[in-house]
Amino acid sequence: MKTEWDPQAKKNLRQIAQYIQRRFGTEARKSFLEEVKKTDNLLKNNPQMGMVDPLFAERKLTYRSVIINNLSKMVYFVNGETIYIAAFWDTRKEPKAQAKKVK
């Protein structure tokens, strides 16, 4: 399987990584990005590993999510042989408002 990232999800990932670097330093940012990459690779081998996300229960697609760390969450859905990373968000923000932004 392969993964495709929504442009907004990529932007949010960069913003969170920048925040981590400012707040915790370069090593913390590097560790965070390695964890994201590791999760992305794990999804390719086990696309059902994330829990079905109840914030998207009303949608046609089955959205799943994986918590990366205390600050971030990756939301995705599977379509054929592709895993679409639909959102990547800061878990400190209100989840329902963020879910409404997901396409």
PDB file of N, CA and C in Angstrom:
ATOM      1  N   MET A   1       0.847  -1.183   0.000  1.00  0.00           N
ATOM      2  CA  MET A   1       0.000   0.000   0.000  1.00  0.00           C
ATOM      3  C   MET A   1       0.890   1.244   0.000  1.00  0.00           C
ATOM      4  N   LYS A   2       0.277   2.345  -0.380  1.00  0.00           N
ATOM      5  CA  LYS A   2       0.998   3.613  -0.360  1.00  0.00           C
ATOM      6  C   LYS A   2       0.170   4.624   0.424  1.00  0.00           C
ATOM      7  N   THR A   3       0.830   5.690   0.857  1.00  0.00           N
ATOM      8  CA  THR A   3       0.119   6.760   1.556  1.00  0.00           C
ATOM      9  C   THR A   3       0.188   8.039   0.732  1.00  0.00           C
ATOM     10  N   GLU A   4      -0.897   8.786   0.799  1.00  0.00           N
ATOM     11  CA  GLU A   4      -0.971  10.115   0.194  1.00  0.00           C
ATOM     12  C   GLU A   4      -1.450  11.075   1.275  1.00  0.00           C
ATOM     13  N   TRP A   5      -0.774  12.205   1.362  1.00  0.00           N
ATOM     14  CA  TRP A   5      -1.102  13.201   2.373  1.00  0.00           C
ATOM     15  C   TRP A   5      -1.896  14.354   1.757  1.00  0.00           C
ATOM     16  N   ASP A   6      -2.972  14.737   2.411  1.00  0.00           N
ATOM     17  CA  ASP A   6      -3.707  15.932   2.043  1.00  0.00           C
ATOM     18  C   ASP A   6      -2.767  17.132   2.267  1.00  0.00           C
ATOM     19  N   PRO A   7      -2.769  18.117   1.373  1.00  0.00           N
ATOM     20  CA  PRO A   7      -1.881  19.274   1.547  1.00  0.00           C
ATOM     21  C   PRO A   7      -2.046  19.981   2.897  1.00  0.00           C
ATOM     22  N   GLN A   8      -3.277  20.086   3.375  1.00  0.00           N
ATOM     23  CA  GLN A   8      -3.491  20.731   4.682  1.00  0.00           C
ATOM     24  C   GLN A   8      -2.897  19.885   5.815  1.00  0.00           C
ATOM     25  N   ALA A   9      -2.973  18.571   5.697  1.00  0.00           N
ATOM     26  CA  ALA A   9      -2.374  17.697   6.712  1.00  0.00           C
ATOM     27  C   ALA A   9      -0.855  17.895   6.749  1.00  0.00           C
ATOM     28  N   LYS A  10      -0.235  18.010   5.583  1.00  0.00           N
ATOM     29  CA  LYS A  10       1.214  18.272   5.520  1.00  0.00           C
ATOM     30  C   LYS A  10       1.550  19.608   6.175  1.00  0.00           C
ATOM     31  N   LYS A  11       0.738  20.615   5.883  1.00  0.00           N
ATOM     32  CA  LYS A  11       0.967  21.943   6.465  1.00  0.00           C
ATOM     33  C   LYS A  11       0.866  21.884   7.985  1.00  0.00           C
ATOM     34  N   ASN A  12      -0.150  21.195   8.483  1.00  0.00           N
ATOM     35  CA  ASN A  12      -0.330  21.078   9.937  1.00  0.00           C
ATOM     36  C   ASN A  12       0.826  20.316  10.569  1.00  0.00           C
ATOM     37  N   LEU A  13       1.320  19.273   9.895  1.00  0.00           N
ATOM     38  CA  LEU A  13       2.475  18.528  10.397  1.00  0.00           C
ATOM     39  C   LEU A  13       3.672  19.467  10.531  1.00  0.00           C
ATOM     40  N   ARG A  14       3.929  20.278   9.509  1.00  0.00           N
ATOM     41  CA  ARG A  14       5.058  21.225   9.567  1.00  0.00           C
ATOM     42  C   ARG A  14       4.886  22.206  10.723  1.00  0.00           C
ATOM     43  N   GLN A  15       3.665  22.705  10.911  1.00  0.00           N
ATOM     44  CA  GLN A  15       3.419  23.666  11.986  1.00  0.00           C
ATOM     45  C   GLN A  15       3.671  23.045  13.359  1.00  0.00           C
ATOM     46  N   ILE A  16       3.219  21.822  13.549  1.00  0.00           N
ATOM     47  CA  ILE A  16       3.425  21.147  14.834  1.00  0.00           C
ATOM     48  C   ILE A  16       4.913  20.874  15.047  1.00  0.00           C
ATOM     49  N   ALA A  17       5.607  20.455  13.993  1.00  0.00           N
ATOM     50  CA  ALA A  17       7.051  20.196  14.097  1.00  0.00           C
ATOM     51  C   ALA A  17       7.796  21.484  14.453  1.00  0.00           C
ATOM     52  N   GLN A  18       7.393  22.593  13.868  1.00  0.00           N
ATOM     53  CA  GLN A  18       8.022  23.882  14.192  1.00  0.00           C
ATOM     54  C   GLN A  18       7.766  24.260  15.654  1.00  0.00           C
ATOM     55  N   TYR A  19       6.544  24.037  16.099  1.00  0.00           N
ATOM     56  CA  TYR A  19       6.218  24.326  17.499  1.00  0.00           C
ATOM     57  C   TYR A  19       7.079  23.480  18.436  1.00  0.00           C
ATOM     58  N   ILE A  20       7.192  22.200  18.132  1.00  0.00           N
ATOM     59  CA  ILE A  20       7.999  21.303  18.976  1.00  0.00           C
ATOM     60  C   ILE A  20       9.441  21.771  19.006  1.00  0.00           C
ATOM     61  N   GLN A  21       9.970  22.207  17.870  1.00  0.00           N
ATOM     62  CA  GLN A  21      11.356  22.683  17.845  1.00  0.00           C
ATOM     63  C   GLN A  21      11.519  23.934  18.699  1.00  0.00           C
ATOM     64  N   ARG A  22      10.598  24.880  18.567  1.00  0.00           N
ATOM     65  CA  ARG A  22      10.687  26.107  19.370  1.00  0.00           C
ATOM     66  C   ARG A  22      10.568  25.818  20.861  1.00  0.00           C
ATOM     67  N   ARG A  23       9.658  24.938  21.195  1.00  0.00           N
ATOM     68  CA  ARG A  23       9.352  24.664  22.608  1.00  0.00           C
ATOM     69  C   ARG A  23      10.323  23.677  23.258  1.00  0.00           C
ATOM     70  N   PHE A  24      10.721  22.622  22.505  1.00  0.00           N
ATOM     71  CA  PHE A  24      11.487  21.527  23.102  1.00  0.00           C
ATOM     72  C   PHE A  24      12.859  21.283  22.465  1.00  0.00           C
ATOM     73  N   GLY A  25      13.125  21.917  21.323  1.00  0.00           N
ATOM     74  CA  GLY A  25      14.441  21.795  20.711  1.00  0.00           C
ATOM     75  C   GLY A  25      14.477  20.900  19.479  1.00  0.00           C
ATOM     76  N   THR A  26      15.620  20.945  18.818  1.00  0.00           N
ATOM     77  CA  THR A  26      15.819  20.233  17.559  1.00  0.00           C
ATOM     78  C   THR A  26      15.705  18.720  17.717  1.00  0.00           C
ATOM     79  N   GLU A  27      16.256  18.182  18.771  1.00  0.00           N
ATOM     80  CA  GLU A  27      16.207  16.718  18.968  1.00  0.00           C
ATOM     81  C   GLU A  27      14.764  16.231  19.151  1.00  0.00           C
ATOM     82  N   ALA A  28      13.967  16.999  19.873  1.00  0.00           N
ATOM     83  CA  ALA A  28      12.566  16.627  20.067  1.00  0.00           C
ATOM     84  C   ALA A  28      11.822  16.666  18.734  1.00  0.00           C
ATOM     85  N   ARG A  29      12.118  17.662  17.919  1.00  0.00           N
ATOM     86  CA  ARG A  29      11.494  17.764  16.590  1.00  0.00           C
ATOM     87  C   ARG A  29      11.892  16.565  15.741  1.00  0.00           C
ATOM     88  N   LYS A  30      13.160  16.245  15.756  1.00  0.00           N
ATOM     89  CA  LYS A  30      13.657  15.103  14.974  1.00  0.00           C
ATOM     90  C   LYS A  30      12.980  13.808  15.435  1.00  0.00           C
ATOM     91  N   SER A  31      12.869  13.615  16.725  1.00  0.00           N
ATOM     92  CA  SER A  31      12.230  12.421  17.282  1.00  0.00           C
ATOM     93  C   SER A  31      10.759  12.357  16.876  1.00  0.00           C
ATOM     94  N   PHE A  32      10.087  13.497  16.927  1.00  0.00           N
ATOM     95  CA  PHE A  32       8.680  13.574  16.532  1.00  0.00           C
ATOM     96  C   PHE A  32       8.506  13.174  15.069  1.00  0.00           C
ATOM     97  N   LEU A  33       9.313  13.738  14.185  1.00  0.00           N
ATOM     98  CA  LEU A  33       9.199  13.433  12.759  1.00  0.00           C
ATOM     99  C   LEU A  33       9.538  11.970  12.465  1.00  0.00           C
ATOM    100  N   GLU A  34      10.465  11.398  13.223  1.00  0.00           N
ATOM    101  CA  GLU A  34      10.771   9.967  13.075  1.00  0.00           C
ATOM    102  C   GLU A  34       9.568   9.120  13.482  1.00  0.00           C
ATOM    103  N   GLU A  35       8.868   9.539  14.531  1.00  0.00           N
ATOM    104  CA  GLU A  35       7.672   8.818  14.981  1.00  0.00           C
ATOM    105  C   GLU A  35       6.563   8.900  13.932  1.00  0.00           C
ATOM    106  N   VAL A  36       6.410  10.048  13.309  1.00  0.00           N
ATOM    107  CA  VAL A  36       5.417  10.206  12.239  1.00  0.00           C
ATOM    108  C   VAL A  36       5.764   9.285  11.077  1.00  0.00           C
ATOM    109  N   LYS A  37       7.027   9.271  10.691  1.00  0.00           N
ATOM    110  CA  LYS A  37       7.468   8.409   9.583  1.00  0.00           C
ATOM    111  C   LYS A  37       7.256   6.934   9.931  1.00  0.00           C
ATOM    112  N   LYS A  38       7.572   6.562  11.159  1.00  0.00           N
ATOM    113  CA  LYS A  38       7.379   5.183  11.612  1.00  0.00           C
ATOM    114  C   LYS A  38       5.895   4.804  11.545  1.00  0.00           C
ATOM    115  N   THR A  39       5.030   5.694  11.987  1.00  0.00           N
ATOM    116  CA  THR A  39       3.587   5.440  11.945  1.00  0.00           C
ATOM    117  C   THR A  39       3.106   5.312  10.512  1.00  0.00           C
ATOM    118  N   ASP A  40       3.592   6.188   9.637  1.00  0.00           N
ATOM    119  CA  ASP A  40       3.239   6.123   8.225  1.00  0.00           C
ATOM    120  C   ASP A  40       3.625   4.756   7.645  1.00  0.00           C
ATOM    121  N   ASN A  41       4.804   4.281   7.961  1.00  0.00           N
ATOM    122  CA  ASN A  41       5.257   2.972   7.472  1.00  0.00           C
ATOM    123  C   ASN A  41       4.443   1.827   8.068  1.00  0.00           C
ATOM    124  N   LEU A  42       4.092   1.932   9.341  1.00  0.00           N
ATOM    125  CA  LEU A  42       3.270   0.897   9.972  1.00  0.00           C
ATOM    126  C   LEU A  42       1.900   0.808   9.312  1.00  0.00           C
ATOM    127  N   LEU A  43       1.338   1.957   8.964  1.00  0.00           N
ATOM    128  CA  LEU A  43       0.034   1.968   8.307  1.00  0.00           C
ATOM    129  C   LEU A  43       0.070   1.239   6.967  1.00  0.00           C
ATOM    130  N   LYS A  44       1.170   1.362   6.259  1.00  0.00           N
ATOM    131  CA  LYS A  44       1.291   0.705   4.951  1.00  0.00           C
ATOM    132  C   LYS A  44       1.163  -0.809   5.072  1.00  0.00           C
ATOM    133  N   ASN A  45       1.634  -1.360   6.190  1.00  0.00           N
ATOM    134  CA  ASN A  45       1.562  -2.801   6.420  1.00  0.00           C
ATOM    135  C   ASN A  45       0.316  -3.232   7.176  1.00  0.00           C
ATOM    136  N   ASN A  46      -0.288  -2.304   7.891  1.00  0.00           N
ATOM    137  CA  ASN A  46      -1.459  -2.622   8.699  1.00  0.00           C
ATOM    138  C   ASN A  46      -2.424  -1.434   8.691  1.00  0.00           C
ATOM    139  N   PRO A  47      -3.118  -1.218   7.579  1.00  0.00           N
ATOM    140  CA  PRO A  47      -3.954  -0.019   7.452  1.00  0.00           C
ATOM    141  C   PRO A  47      -5.133   0.044   8.420  1.00  0.00           C
ATOM    142  N   GLN A  48      -5.486  -1.043   9.045  1.00  0.00           N
ATOM    143  CA  GLN A  48      -6.603  -1.044   9.991  1.00  0.00           C
ATOM    144  C   GLN A  48      -6.144  -0.822  11.429  1.00  0.00           C
ATOM    145  N   MET A  49      -4.875  -0.469  11.630  1.00  0.00           N
ATOM    146  CA  MET A  49      -4.344  -0.361  12.987  1.00  0.00           C
ATOM    147  C   MET A  49      -4.952   0.777  13.800  1.00  0.00           C
ATOM    148  N   GLY A  50      -5.376   1.839  13.143  1.00  0.00           N
ATOM    149  CA  GLY A  50      -5.968   2.954  13.875  1.00  0.00           C
ATOM    150  C   GLY A  50      -7.395   2.637  14.286  1.00  0.00           C
ATOM    151  N   MET A  51      -7.814   3.280  15.357  1.00  0.00           N
ATOM    152  CA  MET A  51      -9.192   3.075  15.800  1.00  0.00           C
ATOM    153  C   MET A  51     -10.143   3.863  14.905  1.00  0.00           C
ATOM    154  N   VAL A  52     -11.340   3.309  14.700  1.00  0.00           N
ATOM    155  CA  VAL A  52     -12.362   4.031  13.948  1.00  0.00           C
ATOM    156  C   VAL A  52     -12.699   5.279  14.765  1.00  0.00           C
ATOM    157  N   ASP A  53     -12.595   6.425  14.116  1.00  0.00           N
ATOM    158  CA  ASP A  53     -12.751   7.696  14.825  1.00  0.00           C
ATOM    159  C   ASP A  53     -14.230   8.102  14.897  1.00  0.00           C
ATOM    160  N   PRO A  54     -14.790   8.196  16.100  1.00  0.00           N
ATOM    161  CA  PRO A  54     -16.212   8.532  16.244  1.00  0.00           C
ATOM    162  C   PRO A  54     -16.556   9.943  15.778  1.00  0.00           C
ATOM    163  N   LEU A  55     -15.570  10.825  15.637  1.00  0.00           N
ATOM    164  CA  LEU A  55     -15.843  12.177  15.152  1.00  0.00           C
ATOM    165  C   LEU A  55     -16.331  12.179  13.705  1.00  0.00           C
ATOM    166  N   PHE A  56     -16.099  11.078  12.996  1.00  0.00           N
ATOM    167  CA  PHE A  56     -16.460  10.989  11.587  1.00  0.00           C
ATOM    168  C   PHE A  56     -17.531   9.924  11.331  1.00  0.00           C
ATOM    169  N   ALA A  57     -18.277   9.579  12.340  1.00  0.00           N
ATOM    170  CA  ALA A  57     -19.255   8.496  12.247  1.00  0.00           C
ATOM    171  C   ALA A  57     -20.326   8.760  11.192  1.00  0.00           C
ATOM    172  N   GLU A  58     -20.644  10.002  10.926  1.00  0.00           N
ATOM    173  CA  GLU A  58     -21.707  10.340   9.984  1.00  0.00           C
ATOM    174  C   GLU A  58     -21.241  10.348   8.529  1.00  0.00           C
ATOM    175  N   ARG A  59     -19.984  10.125   8.306  1.00  0.00           N
ATOM    176  CA  ARG A  59     -19.433  10.200   6.946  1.00  0.00           C
ATOM    177  C   ARG A  59     -19.518   8.857   6.241  1.00  0.00           C
ATOM    178  N   LYS A  60     -19.501   8.891   4.921  1.00  0.00           N
ATOM    179  CA  LYS A  60     -19.541   7.659   4.128  1.00  0.00           C
ATOM    180  C   LYS A  60     -18.282   6.825   4.333  1.00  0.00           C
ATOM    181  N   LEU A  61     -17.130   7.490   4.319  1.00  0.00           N
ATOM    182  CA  LEU A  61     -15.856   6.793   4.475  1.00  0.00           C
ATOM    183  C   LEU A  61     -15.615   6.448   5.939  1.00  0.00           C
ATOM    184  N   THR A  62     -14.849   5.405   6.161  1.00  0.00           N
ATOM    185  CA  THR A  62     -14.470   5.032   7.524  1.00  0.00           C
ATOM    186  C   THR A  62     -13.141   5.697   7.844  1.00  0.00           C
ATOM    187  N   TYR A  63     -13.201   6.720   8.675  1.00  0.00           N
ATOM    188  CA  TYR A  63     -11.996   7.426   9.088  1.00  0.00           C
ATOM    189  C   TYR A  63     -11.449   6.755  10.343  1.00  0.00           C
ATOM    190  N   ARG A  64     -10.157   6.592  10.358  1.00  0.00           N
ATOM    191  CA  ARG A  64      -9.452   6.034  11.511  1.00  0.00           C
ATOM    192  C   ARG A  64      -8.443   7.056  11.994  1.00  0.00           C
ATOM    193  N   SER A  65      -7.982   6.892  13.222  1.00  0.00           N
ATOM    194  CA  SER A  65      -6.977   7.825  13.724  1.00  0.00           C
ATOM    195  C   SER A  65      -5.939   7.103  14.571  1.00  0.00           C
ATOM    196  N   VAL A  66      -4.776   7.727  14.583  1.00  0.00           N
ATOM    197  CA  VAL A  66      -3.645   7.234  15.367  1.00  0.00           C
ATOM    198  C   VAL A  66      -3.082   8.424  16.133  1.00  0.00           C
ATOM    199  N   ILE A  67      -2.895   8.254  17.422  1.00  0.00           N
ATOM    200  CA  ILE A  67      -2.266   9.285  18.239  1.00  0.00           C
ATOM    201  C   ILE A  67      -0.753   9.136  18.076  1.00  0.00           C
ATOM    202  N   ILE A  68      -0.091  10.223  17.679  1.00  0.00           N
ATOM    203  CA  ILE A  68       1.356  10.190  17.481  1.00  0.00           C
ATOM    204  C   ILE A  68       2.084  10.464  18.787  1.00  0.00           C
ATOM    205  N   ASN A  69       1.666  11.502  19.483  1.00  0.00           N
ATOM    206  CA  ASN A  69       2.216  11.844  20.798  1.00  0.00           C
ATOM    207  C   ASN A  69       1.159  12.673  21.526  1.00  0.00           C
ATOM    208  N   ASN A  70       1.527  13.286  22.618  1.00  0.00           N
ATOM    209  CA  ASN A  70       0.547  14.072  23.373  1.00  0.00           C
ATOM    210  C   ASN A  70       0.046  15.293  22.618  1.00  0.00           C
ATOM    211  N   LEU A  71       0.712  15.665  21.534  1.00  0.00           N
ATOM    212  CA  LEU A  71       0.363  16.877  20.807  1.00  0.00           C
ATOM    213  C   LEU A  71      -0.319  16.650  19.469  1.00  0.00           C
ATOM    214  N   SER A  72      -0.335  15.417  18.965  1.00  0.00           N
ATOM    215  CA  SER A  72      -0.818  15.268  17.593  1.00  0.00           C
ATOM    216  C   SER A  72      -1.545  13.958  17.323  1.00  0.00           C
ATOM    217  N   LYS A  73      -2.398  14.050  16.308  1.00  0.00           N
ATOM    218  CA  LYS A  73      -3.236  12.935  15.904  1.00  0.00           C
ATOM    219  C   LYS A  73      -3.268  12.892  14.377  1.00  0.00           C
ATOM    220  N   MET A  74      -3.146  11.699  13.816  1.00  0.00           N
ATOM    221  CA  MET A  74      -3.202  11.495  12.376  1.00  0.00           C
ATOM    222  C   MET A  74      -4.538  10.836  12.053  1.00  0.00           C
ATOM    223  N   VAL A  75      -5.298  11.434  11.132  1.00  0.00           N
ATOM    224  CA  VAL A  75      -6.601  10.919  10.719  1.00  0.00           C
ATOM    225  C   VAL A  75      -6.479  10.461   9.274  1.00  0.00           C
ATOM    226  N   TYR A  76      -6.979   9.267   8.986  1.00  0.00           N
ATOM    227  CA  TYR A  76      -6.824   8.720   7.642  1.00  0.00           C
ATOM    228  C   TYR A  76      -8.002   7.833   7.267  1.00  0.00           C
ATOM    229  N   PHE A  77      -8.083   7.536   5.970  1.00  0.00           N
ATOM    230  CA  PHE A  77      -9.031   6.541   5.485  1.00  0.00           C
ATOM    231  C   PHE A  77      -8.341   5.741   4.390  1.00  0.00           C
ATOM    232  N   VAL A  78      -8.857   4.560   4.140  1.00  0.00           N
ATOM    233  CA  VAL A  78      -8.278   3.663   3.139  1.00  0.00           C
ATOM    234  C   VAL A  78      -9.231   3.585   1.955  1.00  0.00           C
ATOM    235  N   ASN A  79      -8.653   3.692   0.756  1.00  0.00           N
ATOM    236  CA  ASN A  79      -9.433   3.555  -0.466  1.00  0.00           C
ATOM    237  C   ASN A  79      -8.603   2.717  -1.424  1.00  0.00           C
ATOM    238  N   GLY A  80      -9.008   1.476  -1.619  1.00  0.00           N
ATOM    239  CA  GLY A  80      -8.246   0.569  -2.478  1.00  0.00           C
ATOM    240  C   GLY A  80      -6.883   0.274  -1.876  1.00  0.00           C
ATOM    241  N   GLU A  81      -5.847   0.568  -2.622  1.00  0.00           N
ATOM    242  CA  GLU A  81      -4.476   0.327  -2.170  1.00  0.00           C
ATOM    243  C   GLU A  81      -3.809   1.588  -1.636  1.00  0.00           C
ATOM    244  N   THR A  82      -4.603   2.622  -1.369  1.00  0.00           N
ATOM    245  CA  THR A  82      -4.047   3.891  -0.913  1.00  0.00           C
ATOM    246  C   THR A  82      -4.611   4.277   0.448  1.00  0.00           C
ATOM    247  N   ILE A  83      -3.716   4.723   1.303  1.00  0.00           N
ATOM    248  CA  ILE A  83      -4.085   5.267   2.609  1.00  0.00           C
ATOM    249  C   ILE A  83      -3.980   6.783   2.474  1.00  0.00           C
ATOM    250  N   TYR A  84      -5.094   7.463   2.656  1.00  0.00           N
ATOM    251  CA  TYR A  84      -5.115   8.913   2.546  1.00  0.00           C
ATOM    252  C   TYR A  84      -5.028   9.532   3.940  1.00  0.00           C
ATOM    253  N   ILE A  85      -3.954  10.265   4.183  1.00  0.00           N
ATOM    254  CA  ILE A  85      -3.836  10.996   5.441  1.00  0.00           C
ATOM    255  C   ILE A  85      -4.662  12.265   5.245  1.00  0.00           C
ATOM    256  N   ALA A  86      -5.831  12.276   5.838  1.00  0.00           N
ATOM    257  CA  ALA A  86      -6.794  13.353   5.626  1.00  0.00           C
ATOM    258  C   ALA A  86      -6.546  14.545   6.537  1.00  0.00           C
ATOM    259  N   ALA A  87      -5.971  14.291   7.716  1.00  0.00           N
ATOM    260  CA  ALA A  87      -5.738  15.385   8.664  1.00  0.00           C
ATOM    261  C   ALA A  87      -4.618  15.014   9.620  1.00  0.00           C
ATOM    262  N   PHE A  88      -3.975  16.026  10.091  1.00  0.00           N
ATOM    263  CA  PHE A  88      -2.952  15.880  11.122  1.00  0.00           C
ATOM    264  C   PHE A  88      -3.150  17.083  12.014  1.00  0.00           C
ATOM    265  N   TRP A  89      -3.563  16.829  13.258  1.00  0.00           N
ATOM    266  CA  TRP A  89      -3.883  17.990  14.070  1.00  0.00           C
ATOM    267  C   TRP A  89      -3.339  17.943  15.478  1.00  0.00           C
ATOM    268  N   ASP A  90      -3.358  19.128  16.046  1.00  0.00           N
ATOM    269  CA  ASP A  90      -2.913  19.379  17.403  1.00  0.00           C
ATOM    270  C   ASP A  90      -4.033  18.917  18.337  1.00  0.00           C
ATOM    271  N   THR A  91      -3.744  17.978  19.209  1.00  0.00           N
ATOM    272  CA  THR A  91      -4.778  17.410  20.079  1.00  0.00           C
ATOM    273  C   THR A  91      -5.202  18.356  21.193  1.00  0.00           C
ATOM    274  N   ARG A  92      -4.512  19.472  21.349  1.00  0.00           N
ATOM    275  CA  ARG A  92      -4.907  20.437  22.381  1.00  0.00           C
ATOM    276  C   ARG A  92      -6.072  21.300  21.921  1.00  0.00           C
ATOM    277  N   LYS A  93      -6.354  21.299  20.618  1.00  0.00           N
ATOM    278  CA  LYS A  93      -7.449  22.104  20.075  1.00  0.00           C
ATOM    279  C   LYS A  93      -8.753  21.308  20.102  1.00  0.00           C
ATOM    280  N   GLU A  94      -9.851  22.010  20.019  1.00  0.00           N
ATOM    281  CA  GLU A  94     -11.174  21.399  20.080  1.00  0.00           C
ATOM    282  C   GLU A  94     -11.371  20.428  18.914  1.00  0.00           C
ATOM    283  N   PRO A  95     -11.583  19.142  19.195  1.00  0.00           N
ATOM    284  CA  PRO A  95     -11.626  18.133  18.129  1.00  0.00           C
ATOM    285  C   PRO A  95     -12.790  18.268  17.151  1.00  0.00           C
ATOM    286  N   LYS A  96     -13.969  18.638  17.609  1.00  0.00           N
ATOM    287  CA  LYS A  96     -15.115  18.729  16.689  1.00  0.00           C
ATOM    288  C   LYS A  96     -14.902  19.821  15.641  1.00  0.00           C
ATOM    289  N   ALA A  97     -14.314  20.926  16.055  1.00  0.00           N
ATOM    290  CA  ALA A  97     -14.039  22.012  15.116  1.00  0.00           C
ATOM    291  C   ALA A  97     -13.009  21.561  14.075  1.00  0.00           C
ATOM    292  N   GLN A  98     -12.021  20.810  14.512  1.00  0.00           N
ATOM    293  CA  GLN A  98     -11.011  20.325  13.576  1.00  0.00           C
ATOM    294  C   GLN A  98     -11.591  19.279  12.634  1.00  0.00           C
ATOM    295  N   ALA A  99     -12.466  18.437  13.133  1.00  0.00           N
ATOM    296  CA  ALA A  99     -13.074  17.382  12.301  1.00  0.00           C
ATOM    297  C   ALA A  99     -13.907  17.992  11.177  1.00  0.00           C
ATOM    298  N   LYS A 100     -14.545  19.126  11.433  1.00  0.00           N
ATOM    299  CA  LYS A 100     -15.362  19.775  10.404  1.00  0.00           C
ATOM    300  C   LYS A 100     -14.518  20.234   9.223  1.00  0.00           C
ATOM    301  N   LYS A 101     -13.237  20.484   9.445  1.00  0.00           N
ATOM    302  CA  LYS A 101     -12.339  20.966   8.385  1.00  0.00           C
ATOM    303  C   LYS A 101     -11.849  19.830   7.475  1.00  0.00           C
ATOM    304  N   VAL A 102     -12.040  18.591   7.901  1.00  0.00           N
ATOM    305  CA  VAL A 102     -11.534  17.453   7.124  1.00  0.00           C
ATOM    306  C   VAL A 102     -12.442  17.203   5.941  1.00  0.00           C
ATOM    307  N   LYS A 103     -11.821  17.054   4.766  1.00  0.00           N
ATOM    308  CA  LYS A 103     -12.584  16.827   3.525  1.00  0.00           C
ATOM    309  C   LYS A 103     -13.074  15.403   3.446  1.00  0.00           C
TER     310      LYS A 103
END
